[in-house]
């Protein structure tokens, strides 16, 4: 989830963090995500939304984010990196987030 180019420290930190979560909780979270359908709520939302897409994300499929974009028009920014984009490429992710924030109309 952090990609083959991840340094040993990041892989170790992720492994240690995951090891602190009971397997039953991981299973519950995964089941909840797979069972949950928030598509109607998402389609009605007016909150500005940015989708950061890791170019090497092997967990969330192209189909998944395209379905979200079909529900609501939103910018999709492809940032080099894997699924755990914020951990693996925080600078690239931040640049995309900052550009999105800067594009929002002032209140």
PDB file of N, CA and C in Angstrom:
ATOM      1  N   UNK A   1       0.809  -1.207   0.000  1.00  0.00           N
ATOM      2  CA  UNK A   1       0.000   0.000   0.000  1.00  0.00           C
ATOM      3  C   UNK A   1       0.847   1.264   0.000  1.00  0.00           C
ATOM      4  N   UNK A   2       2.148   1.140   0.252  1.00  0.00           N
ATOM      5  CA  UNK A   2       3.023   2.305   0.191  1.00  0.00           C
ATOM      6  C   UNK A   2       3.949   2.252  -1.027  1.00  0.00           C
ATOM      7  N   UNK A   3       3.809   1.220  -1.821  1.00  0.00           N
ATOM      8  CA  UNK A   3       4.557   1.122  -3.070  1.00  0.00           C
ATOM      9  C   UNK A   3       5.933   0.507  -2.908  1.00  0.00           C
ATOM     10  N   UNK A   4       6.459  -0.014  -4.011  1.00  0.00           N
ATOM     11  CA  UNK A   4       7.757  -0.695  -3.964  1.00  0.00           C
ATOM     12  C   UNK A   4       8.936   0.245  -3.701  1.00  0.00           C
ATOM     13  N   UNK A   5       8.754   1.541  -3.926  1.00  0.00           N
ATOM     14  CA  UNK A   5       9.847   2.493  -3.716  1.00  0.00           C
ATOM     15  C   UNK A   5       9.899   3.020  -2.283  1.00  0.00           C
ATOM     16  N   UNK A   6       8.967   2.589  -1.440  1.00  0.00           N
ATOM     17  CA  UNK A   6       8.924   3.082  -0.055  1.00  0.00           C
ATOM     18  C   UNK A   6      10.197   2.698   0.689  1.00  0.00           C
ATOM     19  N   UNK A   7      10.668   3.618   1.515  1.00  0.00           N
ATOM     20  CA  UNK A   7      11.871   3.302   2.286  1.00  0.00           C
ATOM     21  C   UNK A   7      11.519   2.370   3.447  1.00  0.00           C
ATOM     22  N   UNK A   8      12.533   1.732   3.977  1.00  0.00           N
ATOM     23  CA  UNK A   8      12.346   0.742   5.036  1.00  0.00           C
ATOM     24  C   UNK A   8      11.654   1.325   6.262  1.00  0.00           C
ATOM     25  N   UNK A   9      11.959   2.576   6.591  1.00  0.00           N
ATOM     26  CA  UNK A   9      11.365   3.204   7.783  1.00  0.00           C
ATOM     27  C   UNK A   9       9.848   3.335   7.629  1.00  0.00           C
ATOM     28  N   UNK A  10       9.383   3.729   6.446  1.00  0.00           N
ATOM     29  CA  UNK A  10       7.941   3.863   6.222  1.00  0.00           C
ATOM     30  C   UNK A  10       7.253   2.502   6.271  1.00  0.00           C
ATOM     31  N   UNK A  11       7.859   1.504   5.656  1.00  0.00           N
ATOM     32  CA  UNK A  11       7.285   0.152   5.685  1.00  0.00           C
ATOM     33  C   UNK A  11       7.223  -0.363   7.119  1.00  0.00           C
ATOM     34  N   UNK A  12       8.284  -0.145   7.880  1.00  0.00           N
ATOM     35  CA  UNK A  12       8.328  -0.582   9.280  1.00  0.00           C
ATOM     36  C   UNK A  12       7.251   0.139  10.100  1.00  0.00           C
ATOM     37  N   UNK A  13       7.129   1.461   9.906  1.00  0.00           N
ATOM     38  CA  UNK A  13       6.124   2.239  10.641  1.00  0.00           C
ATOM     39  C   UNK A  13       4.706   1.759  10.320  1.00  0.00           C
ATOM     40  N   UNK A  14       4.431   1.507   9.050  1.00  0.00           N
ATOM     41  CA  UNK A  14       3.109   1.018   8.654  1.00  0.00           C
ATOM     42  C   UNK A  14       2.836  -0.361   9.243  1.00  0.00           C
ATOM     43  N   UNK A  15       3.819  -1.234   9.166  1.00  0.00           N
ATOM     44  CA  UNK A  15       3.676  -2.588   9.706  1.00  0.00           C
ATOM     45  C   UNK A  15       3.417  -2.550  11.211  1.00  0.00           C
ATOM     46  N   UNK A  16       4.169  -1.715  11.915  1.00  0.00           N
ATOM     47  CA  UNK A  16       3.985  -1.597  13.370  1.00  0.00           C
ATOM     48  C   UNK A  16       2.619  -1.017  13.719  1.00  0.00           C
ATOM     49  N   UNK A  17       2.175  -0.046  12.949  1.00  0.00           N
ATOM     50  CA  UNK A  17       0.874   0.570  13.204  1.00  0.00           C
ATOM     51  C   UNK A  17      -0.252  -0.430  12.971  1.00  0.00           C
ATOM     52  N   UNK A  18      -0.199  -1.142  11.859  1.00  0.00           N
ATOM     53  CA  UNK A  18      -1.234  -2.138  11.559  1.00  0.00           C
ATOM     54  C   UNK A  18      -1.260  -3.229  12.624  1.00  0.00           C
ATOM     55  N   UNK A  19      -0.091  -3.594  13.133  1.00  0.00           N
ATOM     56  CA  UNK A  19      -0.013  -4.654  14.146  1.00  0.00           C
ATOM     57  C   UNK A  19      -0.698  -4.255  15.454  1.00  0.00           C
ATOM     58  N   UNK A  20      -0.901  -2.960  15.679  1.00  0.00           N
ATOM     59  CA  UNK A  20      -1.555  -2.515  16.920  1.00  0.00           C
ATOM     60  C   UNK A  20      -3.073  -2.607  16.849  1.00  0.00           C
ATOM     61  N   UNK A  21      -3.609  -2.839  15.655  1.00  0.00           N
ATOM     62  CA  UNK A  21      -5.059  -2.909  15.481  1.00  0.00           C
ATOM     63  C   UNK A  21      -5.491  -4.370  15.528  1.00  0.00           C
ATOM     64  N   UNK A  22      -6.426  -4.702  16.411  1.00  0.00           N
ATOM     65  CA  UNK A  22      -6.886  -6.090  16.484  1.00  0.00           C
ATOM     66  C   UNK A  22      -7.462  -6.557  15.140  1.00  0.00           C
ATOM     67  N   UNK A  23      -7.162  -7.783  14.727  1.00  0.00           N
ATOM     68  CA  UNK A  23      -7.677  -8.304  13.450  1.00  0.00           C
ATOM     69  C   UNK A  23      -9.205  -8.211  13.339  1.00  0.00           C
ATOM     70  N   UNK A  24      -9.894  -8.374  14.454  1.00  0.00           N
ATOM     71  CA  UNK A  24     -11.359  -8.292  14.405  1.00  0.00           C
ATOM     72  C   UNK A  24     -11.817  -6.884  14.023  1.00  0.00           C
ATOM     73  N   UNK A  25     -11.075  -5.871  14.469  1.00  0.00           N
ATOM     74  CA  UNK A  25     -11.416  -4.496  14.123  1.00  0.00           C
ATOM     75  C   UNK A  25     -11.125  -4.217  12.652  1.00  0.00           C
ATOM     76  N   UNK A  26     -10.012  -4.722  12.153  1.00  0.00           N
ATOM     77  CA  UNK A  26      -9.694  -4.577  10.730  1.00  0.00           C
ATOM     78  C   UNK A  26     -10.791  -5.232   9.896  1.00  0.00           C
ATOM     79  N   UNK A  27     -11.200  -6.431  10.277  1.00  0.00           N
ATOM     80  CA  UNK A  27     -12.256  -7.141   9.547  1.00  0.00           C
ATOM     81  C   UNK A  27     -13.559  -6.364   9.585  1.00  0.00           C
ATOM     82  N   UNK A  28     -13.907  -5.824  10.747  1.00  0.00           N
ATOM     83  CA  UNK A  28     -15.137  -5.034  10.870  1.00  0.00           C
ATOM     84  C   UNK A  28     -15.092  -3.795   9.975  1.00  0.00           C
ATOM     85  N   UNK A  29     -13.958  -3.096   9.981  1.00  0.00           N
ATOM     86  CA  UNK A  29     -13.810  -1.896   9.149  1.00  0.00           C
ATOM     87  C   UNK A  29     -13.952  -2.231   7.668  1.00  0.00           C
ATOM     88  N   UNK A  30     -13.296  -3.295   7.232  1.00  0.00           N
ATOM     89  CA  UNK A  30     -13.388  -3.695   5.831  1.00  0.00           C
ATOM     90  C   UNK A  30     -14.818  -4.069   5.453  1.00  0.00           C
ATOM     91  N   UNK A  31     -15.473  -4.829   6.306  1.00  0.00           N
ATOM     92  CA  UNK A  31     -16.863  -5.209   6.032  1.00  0.00           C
ATOM     93  C   UNK A  31     -17.752  -3.982   5.960  1.00  0.00           C
ATOM     94  N   UNK A  32     -17.549  -3.040   6.864  1.00  0.00           N
ATOM     95  CA  UNK A  32     -18.348  -1.815   6.875  1.00  0.00           C
ATOM     96  C   UNK A  32     -18.150  -1.029   5.589  1.00  0.00           C
ATOM     97  N   UNK A  33     -16.914  -0.882   5.155  1.00  0.00           N
ATOM     98  CA  UNK A  33     -16.631  -0.151   3.913  1.00  0.00           C
ATOM     99  C   UNK A  33     -17.292  -0.842   2.725  1.00  0.00           C
ATOM    100  N   UNK A  34     -17.208  -2.158   2.671  1.00  0.00           N
ATOM    101  CA  UNK A  34     -17.775  -2.889   1.547  1.00  0.00           C
ATOM    102  C   UNK A  34     -19.302  -2.890   1.553  1.00  0.00           C
ATOM    103  N   UNK A  35     -19.909  -2.820   2.735  1.00  0.00           N
ATOM    104  CA  UNK A  35     -21.369  -2.850   2.841  1.00  0.00           C
ATOM    105  C   UNK A  35     -22.021  -1.475   2.729  1.00  0.00           C
ATOM    106  N   UNK A  36     -21.261  -0.436   2.955  1.00  0.00           N
ATOM    107  CA  UNK A  36     -21.805   0.915   3.028  1.00  0.00           C
ATOM    108  C   UNK A  36     -22.039   1.495   1.634  1.00  0.00           C
ATOM    109  N   UNK A  37     -23.202   2.089   1.428  1.00  0.00           N
ATOM    110  CA  UNK A  37     -23.497   2.777   0.164  1.00  0.00           C
ATOM    111  C   UNK A  37     -23.939   4.197   0.483  1.00  0.00           C
ATOM    112  N   UNK A  38     -23.032   5.122   0.307  1.00  0.00           N
ATOM    113  CA  UNK A  38     -23.313   6.531   0.566  1.00  0.00           C
ATOM    114  C   UNK A  38     -23.461   7.317  -0.734  1.00  0.00           C
ATOM    115  N   UNK A  39     -23.710   6.629  -1.830  1.00  0.00           N
ATOM    116  CA  UNK A  39     -23.724   7.290  -3.132  1.00  0.00           C
ATOM    117  C   UNK A  39     -24.779   8.381  -3.236  1.00  0.00           C
ATOM    118  N   UNK A  40     -25.960   8.168  -2.681  1.00  0.00           N
ATOM    119  CA  UNK A  40     -27.010   9.201  -2.755  1.00  0.00           C
ATOM    120  C   UNK A  40     -26.612  10.432  -1.949  1.00  0.00           C
ATOM    121  N   UNK A  41     -26.071  10.207  -0.755  1.00  0.00           N
ATOM    122  CA  UNK A  41     -25.615  11.330   0.070  1.00  0.00           C
ATOM    123  C   UNK A  41     -24.476  12.080  -0.619  1.00  0.00           C
ATOM    124  N   UNK A  42     -23.551  11.331  -1.193  1.00  0.00           N
ATOM    125  CA  UNK A  42     -22.419  11.950  -1.884  1.00  0.00           C
ATOM    126  C   UNK A  42     -22.906  12.782  -3.074  1.00  0.00           C
ATOM    127  N   UNK A  43     -23.848  12.254  -3.835  1.00  0.00           N
ATOM    128  CA  UNK A  43     -24.365  12.962  -5.007  1.00  0.00           C
ATOM    129  C   UNK A  43     -25.040  14.274  -4.616  1.00  0.00           C
ATOM    130  N   UNK A  44     -25.678  14.310  -3.448  1.00  0.00           N
ATOM    131  CA  UNK A  44     -26.386  15.513  -2.993  1.00  0.00           C
ATOM    132  C   UNK A  44     -25.463  16.532  -2.320  1.00  0.00           C
ATOM    133  N   UNK A  45     -24.312  16.118  -1.919  1.00  0.00           N
ATOM    134  CA  UNK A  45     -23.403  16.998  -1.177  1.00  0.00           C
ATOM    135  C   UNK A  45     -22.948  18.170  -2.047  1.00  0.00           C
ATOM    136  N   UNK A  46     -22.810  19.313  -1.405  1.00  0.00           N
ATOM    137  CA  UNK A  46     -22.308  20.502  -2.113  1.00  0.00           C
ATOM    138  C   UNK A  46     -20.933  20.925  -1.588  1.00  0.00           C
ATOM    139  N   UNK A  47     -20.350  20.120  -0.747  1.00  0.00           N
ATOM    140  CA  UNK A  47     -19.029  20.420  -0.189  1.00  0.00           C
ATOM    141  C   UNK A  47     -17.980  20.262  -1.294  1.00  0.00           C
ATOM    142  N   UNK A  48     -17.121  21.260  -1.484  1.00  0.00           N
ATOM    143  CA  UNK A  48     -16.060  21.107  -2.488  1.00  0.00           C
ATOM    144  C   UNK A  48     -15.247  19.848  -2.202  1.00  0.00           C
ATOM    145  N   UNK A  49     -15.044  19.052  -3.229  1.00  0.00           N
ATOM    146  CA  UNK A  49     -14.391  17.760  -3.057  1.00  0.00           C
ATOM    147  C   UNK A  49     -13.278  17.588  -4.081  1.00  0.00           C
ATOM    148  N   UNK A  50     -12.146  17.153  -3.607  1.00  0.00           N
ATOM    149  CA  UNK A  50     -11.005  16.831  -4.456  1.00  0.00           C
ATOM    150  C   UNK A  50     -10.729  15.347  -4.298  1.00  0.00           C
ATOM    151  N   UNK A  51     -10.539  14.648  -5.403  1.00  0.00           N
ATOM    152  CA  UNK A  51     -10.155  13.248  -5.338  1.00  0.00           C
ATOM    153  C   UNK A  51      -8.676  13.151  -5.703  1.00  0.00           C
ATOM    154  N   UNK A  52      -7.875  12.748  -4.743  1.00  0.00           N
ATOM    155  CA  UNK A  52      -6.462  12.497  -5.000  1.00  0.00           C
ATOM    156  C   UNK A  52      -6.314  11.035  -5.393  1.00  0.00           C
ATOM    157  N   UNK A  53      -5.784  10.802  -6.549  1.00  0.00           N
ATOM    158  CA  UNK A  53      -5.645   9.441  -7.064  1.00  0.00           C
ATOM    159  C   UNK A  53      -4.169   9.104  -7.199  1.00  0.00           C
ATOM    160  N   UNK A  54      -3.718   8.133  -6.439  1.00  0.00           N
ATOM    161  CA  UNK A  54      -2.347   7.656  -6.591  1.00  0.00           C
ATOM    162  C   UNK A  54      -2.214   6.938  -7.922  1.00  0.00           C
ATOM    163  N   UNK A  55      -1.221   7.312  -8.698  1.00  0.00           N
ATOM    164  CA  UNK A  55      -1.054   6.703 -10.020  1.00  0.00           C
ATOM    165  C   UNK A  55      -0.796   5.202  -9.947  1.00  0.00           C
ATOM    166  N   UNK A  56      -0.312   4.740  -8.800  1.00  0.00           N
ATOM    167  CA  UNK A  56      -0.038   3.312  -8.638  1.00  0.00           C
ATOM    168  C   UNK A  56      -0.951   2.675  -7.594  1.00  0.00           C
ATOM    169  N   UNK A  57      -2.125   3.263  -7.383  1.00  0.00           N
ATOM    170  CA  UNK A  57      -3.077   2.717  -6.413  1.00  0.00           C
ATOM    171  C   UNK A  57      -3.630   1.407  -6.949  1.00  0.00           C
ATOM    172  N   UNK A  58      -3.351   0.332  -6.238  1.00  0.00           N
ATOM    173  CA  UNK A  58      -3.829  -0.988  -6.662  1.00  0.00           C
ATOM    174  C   UNK A  58      -5.000  -1.467  -5.799  1.00  0.00           C
ATOM    175  N   UNK A  59      -5.432  -0.607  -4.869  1.00  0.00           N
ATOM    176  CA  UNK A  59      -6.542  -0.973  -3.991  1.00  0.00           C
ATOM    177  C   UNK A  59      -7.867  -0.406  -4.493  1.00  0.00           C
ATOM    178  N   UNK A  60      -7.898   0.885  -4.798  1.00  0.00           N
ATOM    179  CA  UNK A  60      -9.116   1.516  -5.315  1.00  0.00           C
ATOM    180  C   UNK A  60      -9.019   1.506  -6.832  1.00  0.00           C
ATOM    181  N   UNK A  61      -9.964   0.868  -7.467  1.00  0.00           N
ATOM    182  CA  UNK A  61      -9.913   0.688  -8.911  1.00  0.00           C
ATOM    183  C   UNK A  61     -10.296   1.959  -9.662  1.00  0.00           C
ATOM    184  N   UNK A  62      -9.924   2.008 -10.924  1.00  0.00           N
ATOM    185  CA  UNK A  62     -10.341   3.109 -11.805  1.00  0.00           C
ATOM    186  C   UNK A  62     -11.863   3.211 -11.803  1.00  0.00           C
ATOM    187  N   UNK A  63     -12.519   2.087 -11.870  1.00  0.00           N
ATOM    188  CA  UNK A  63     -13.986   2.055 -11.894  1.00  0.00           C
ATOM    189  C   UNK A  63     -14.579   2.756 -10.669  1.00  0.00           C
ATOM    190  N   UNK A  64     -13.969   2.546  -9.518  1.00  0.00           N
ATOM    191  CA  UNK A  64     -14.497   3.123  -8.281  1.00  0.00           C
ATOM    192  C   UNK A  64     -14.482   4.643  -8.301  1.00  0.00           C
ATOM    193  N   UNK A  65     -13.349   5.246  -8.633  1.00  0.00           N
ATOM    194  CA  UNK A  65     -13.325   6.703  -8.617  1.00  0.00           C
ATOM    195  C   UNK A  65     -14.115   7.288  -9.772  1.00  0.00           C
ATOM    196  N   UNK A  66     -14.206   6.576 -10.882  1.00  0.00           N
ATOM    197  CA  UNK A  66     -15.026   7.066 -11.998  1.00  0.00           C
ATOM    198  C   UNK A  66     -16.512   7.061 -11.629  1.00  0.00           C
ATOM    199  N   UNK A  67     -16.934   6.074 -10.849  1.00  0.00           N
ATOM    200  CA  UNK A  67     -18.322   6.062 -10.364  1.00  0.00           C
ATOM    201  C   UNK A  67     -18.587   7.268  -9.471  1.00  0.00           C
ATOM    202  N   UNK A  68     -17.632   7.594  -8.609  1.00  0.00           N
ATOM    203  CA  UNK A  68     -17.791   8.778  -7.754  1.00  0.00           C
ATOM    204  C   UNK A  68     -17.893  10.043  -8.596  1.00  0.00           C
ATOM    205  N   UNK A  69     -17.033  10.162  -9.590  1.00  0.00           N
ATOM    206  CA  UNK A  69     -17.035  11.348 -10.445  1.00  0.00           C
ATOM    207  C   UNK A  69     -18.331  11.440 -11.249  1.00  0.00           C
ATOM    208  N   UNK A  70     -18.912  10.319 -11.592  1.00  0.00           N
ATOM    209  CA  UNK A  70     -20.186  10.326 -12.318  1.00  0.00           C
ATOM    210  C   UNK A  70     -21.323  10.824 -11.417  1.00  0.00           C
ATOM    211  N   UNK A  71     -21.209  10.579 -10.123  1.00  0.00           N
ATOM    212  CA  UNK A  71     -22.233  11.040  -9.184  1.00  0.00           C
ATOM    213  C   UNK A  71     -22.155  12.547  -8.967  1.00  0.00           C
ATOM    214  N   UNK A  72     -20.955  13.072  -8.967  1.00  0.00           N
ATOM    215  CA  UNK A  72     -20.717  14.498  -8.705  1.00  0.00           C
ATOM    216  C   UNK A  72     -19.469  14.930  -9.436  1.00  0.00           C
ATOM    217  N   UNK A  73     -19.601  16.001 -10.185  1.00  0.00           N
ATOM    218  CA  UNK A  73     -18.407  16.492 -10.851  1.00  0.00           C
ATOM    219  C   UNK A  73     -17.424  16.988  -9.798  1.00  0.00           C
ATOM    220  N   UNK A  74     -16.202  16.551  -9.898  1.00  0.00           N
ATOM    221  CA  UNK A  74     -15.163  16.952  -8.951  1.00  0.00           C
ATOM    222  C   UNK A  74     -13.826  16.811  -9.638  1.00  0.00           C
ATOM    223  N   UNK A  75     -12.872  17.637  -9.236  1.00  0.00           N
ATOM    224  CA  UNK A  75     -11.542  17.469  -9.812  1.00  0.00           C
ATOM    225  C   UNK A  75     -10.894  16.182  -9.302  1.00  0.00           C
ATOM    226  N   UNK A  76     -10.228  15.503 -10.207  1.00  0.00           N
ATOM    227  CA  UNK A  76      -9.452  14.309  -9.866  1.00  0.00           C
ATOM    228  C   UNK A  76      -8.013  14.617 -10.250  1.00  0.00           C
ATOM    229  N   UNK A  77      -7.133  14.556  -9.265  1.00  0.00           N
ATOM    230  CA  UNK A  77      -5.717  14.836  -9.512  1.00  0.00           C
ATOM    231  C   UNK A  77      -4.943  13.542  -9.323  1.00  0.00           C
ATOM    232  N   UNK A  78      -4.230  13.165 -10.348  1.00  0.00           N
ATOM    233  CA  UNK A  78      -3.384  11.973 -10.284  1.00  0.00           C
ATOM    234  C   UNK A  78      -2.011  12.390  -9.766  1.00  0.00           C
ATOM    235  N   UNK A  79      -1.657  11.841  -8.625  1.00  0.00           N
ATOM    236  CA  UNK A  79      -0.388  12.156  -7.970  1.00  0.00           C
ATOM    237  C   UNK A  79       0.463  10.887  -7.967  1.00  0.00           C
ATOM    238  N   UNK A  80       1.727  11.000  -8.343  1.00  0.00           N
ATOM    239  CA  UNK A  80       2.572   9.803  -8.319  1.00  0.00           C
ATOM    240  C   UNK A  80       2.588   9.158  -6.936  1.00  0.00           C
ATOM    241  N   UNK A  81       2.250   7.877  -6.909  1.00  0.00           N
ATOM    242  CA  UNK A  81       2.299   7.150  -5.647  1.00  0.00           C
ATOM    243  C   UNK A  81       1.256   6.053  -5.560  1.00  0.00           C
ATOM    244  N   UNK A  82       1.314   5.289  -4.468  1.00  0.00           N
ATOM    245  CA  UNK A  82       0.424   4.161  -4.234  1.00  0.00           C
ATOM    246  C   UNK A  82      -0.846   4.587  -3.501  1.00  0.00           C
ATOM    247  N   UNK A  83      -1.568   3.629  -2.977  1.00  0.00           N
ATOM    248  CA  UNK A  83      -2.815   3.896  -2.266  1.00  0.00           C
ATOM    249  C   UNK A  83      -2.602   4.815  -1.062  1.00  0.00           C
ATOM    250  N   UNK A  84      -1.603   4.539  -0.263  1.00  0.00           N
ATOM    251  CA  UNK A  84      -1.326   5.385   0.896  1.00  0.00           C
ATOM    252  C   UNK A  84      -0.496   6.587   0.456  1.00  0.00           C
ATOM    253  N   UNK A  85      -1.123   7.404  -0.339  1.00  0.00           N
ATOM    254  CA  UNK A  85      -0.482   8.539  -0.995  1.00  0.00           C
ATOM    255  C   UNK A  85       0.063   9.567  -0.013  1.00  0.00           C
ATOM    256  N   UNK A  86      -0.712   9.868   1.025  1.00  0.00           N
ATOM    257  CA  UNK A  86      -0.260  10.887   1.980  1.00  0.00           C
ATOM    258  C   UNK A  86       1.000  10.453   2.722  1.00  0.00           C
ATOM    259  N   UNK A  87       1.159   9.162   2.936  1.00  0.00           N
ATOM    260  CA  UNK A  87       2.350   8.655   3.608  1.00  0.00           C
ATOM    261  C   UNK A  87       3.515   8.531   2.626  1.00  0.00           C
ATOM    262  N   UNK A  88       3.230   8.088   1.410  1.00  0.00           N
ATOM    263  CA  UNK A  88       4.294   7.799   0.445  1.00  0.00           C
ATOM    264  C   UNK A  88       4.755   9.035  -0.330  1.00  0.00           C
ATOM    265  N   UNK A  89       3.856   9.981  -0.571  1.00  0.00           N
ATOM    266  CA  UNK A  89       4.213  11.184  -1.326  1.00  0.00           C
ATOM    267  C   UNK A  89       3.505  12.401  -0.727  1.00  0.00           C
ATOM    268  N   UNK A  90       3.852  12.755   0.508  1.00  0.00           N
ATOM    269  CA  UNK A  90       3.151  13.863   1.158  1.00  0.00           C
ATOM    270  C   UNK A  90       3.339  15.200   0.443  1.00  0.00           C
ATOM    271  N   UNK A  91       4.493  15.417  -0.156  1.00  0.00           N
ATOM    272  CA  UNK A  91       4.734  16.698  -0.834  1.00  0.00           C
ATOM    273  C   UNK A  91       3.867  16.802  -2.086  1.00  0.00           C
ATOM    274  N   UNK A  92       3.834  15.752  -2.883  1.00  0.00           N
ATOM    275  CA  UNK A  92       2.992  15.763  -4.088  1.00  0.00           C
ATOM    276  C   UNK A  92       1.520  15.895  -3.743  1.00  0.00           C
ATOM    277  N   UNK A  93       1.102  15.193  -2.701  1.00  0.00           N
ATOM    278  CA  UNK A  93      -0.295  15.277  -2.263  1.00  0.00           C
ATOM    279  C   UNK A  93      -0.602  16.694  -1.781  1.00  0.00           C
ATOM    280  N   UNK A  94       0.283  17.267  -0.976  1.00  0.00           N
ATOM    281  CA  UNK A  94       0.043  18.612  -0.459  1.00  0.00           C
ATOM    282  C   UNK A  94      -0.041  19.631  -1.591  1.00  0.00           C
ATOM    283  N   UNK A  95       0.813  19.508  -2.585  1.00  0.00           N
ATOM    284  CA  UNK A  95       0.762  20.455  -3.713  1.00  0.00           C
ATOM    285  C   UNK A  95      -0.599  20.401  -4.397  1.00  0.00           C
ATOM    286  N   UNK A  96      -1.137  19.209  -4.590  1.00  0.00           N
ATOM    287  CA  UNK A  96      -2.454  19.066  -5.223  1.00  0.00           C
ATOM    288  C   UNK A  96      -3.543  19.644  -4.329  1.00  0.00           C
ATOM    289  N   UNK A  97      -3.446  19.388  -3.030  1.00  0.00           N
ATOM    290  CA  UNK A  97      -4.437  19.909  -2.086  1.00  0.00           C
ATOM    291  C   UNK A  97      -4.377  21.430  -2.041  1.00  0.00           C
ATOM    292  N   UNK A  98      -3.182  21.975  -1.986  1.00  0.00           N
ATOM    293  CA  UNK A  98      -3.020  23.436  -1.932  1.00  0.00           C
ATOM    294  C   UNK A  98      -3.576  24.092  -3.192  1.00  0.00           C
ATOM    295  N   UNK A  99      -3.306  23.514  -4.354  1.00  0.00           N
ATOM    296  CA  UNK A  99      -3.834  24.067  -5.600  1.00  0.00           C
ATOM    297  C   UNK A  99      -5.363  24.034  -5.589  1.00  0.00           C
ATOM    298  N   UNK A 100      -5.936  22.964  -5.073  1.00  0.00           N
ATOM    299  CA  UNK A 100      -7.396  22.864  -4.978  1.00  0.00           C
ATOM    300  C   UNK A 100      -7.944  23.928  -4.044  1.00  0.00           C
ATOM    301  N   UNK A 101      -7.335  24.081  -2.885  1.00  0.00           N
ATOM    302  CA  UNK A 101      -7.783  25.104  -1.921  1.00  0.00           C
ATOM    303  C   UNK A 101      -7.687  26.493  -2.555  1.00  0.00           C
ATOM    304  N   UNK A 102      -6.588  26.745  -3.234  1.00  0.00           N
ATOM    305  CA  UNK A 102      -6.409  28.057  -3.867  1.00  0.00           C
ATOM    306  C   UNK A 102      -7.430  28.322  -4.969  1.00  0.00           C
ATOM    307  N   UNK A 103      -7.982  27.256  -5.548  1.00  0.00           N
ATOM    308  CA  UNK A 103      -8.965  27.427  -6.631  1.00  0.00           C
ATOM    309  C   UNK A 103     -10.374  27.703  -6.123  1.00  0.00           C
ATOM    310  N   UNK A 104     -10.598  27.508  -4.827  1.00  0.00           N
ATOM    311  CA  UNK A 104     -11.937  27.708  -4.274  1.00  0.00           C
ATOM    312  C   UNK A 104     -12.255  29.191  -4.175  1.00  0.00           C
ATOM    313  N   UNK A 105     -13.513  29.547  -4.404  1.00  0.00           N
ATOM    314  CA  UNK A 105     -13.887  30.959  -4.265  1.00  0.00           C
ATOM    315  C   UNK A 105     -13.761  31.413  -2.805  1.00  0.00           C
ATOM    316  N   UNK A 106     -13.396  32.662  -2.635  1.00  0.00           N
ATOM    317  CA  UNK A 106     -13.286  33.214  -1.287  1.00  0.00           C
ATOM    318  C   UNK A 106     -14.673  33.327  -0.674  1.00  0.00           C
ATOM    319  N   UNK A 107     -14.739  33.149   0.626  1.00  0.00           N
ATOM    320  CA  UNK A 107     -16.038  33.261   1.324  1.00  0.00           C
ATOM    321  C   UNK A 107     -16.360  34.690   1.642  1.00  0.00           C
TER     322      UNK A 107
END
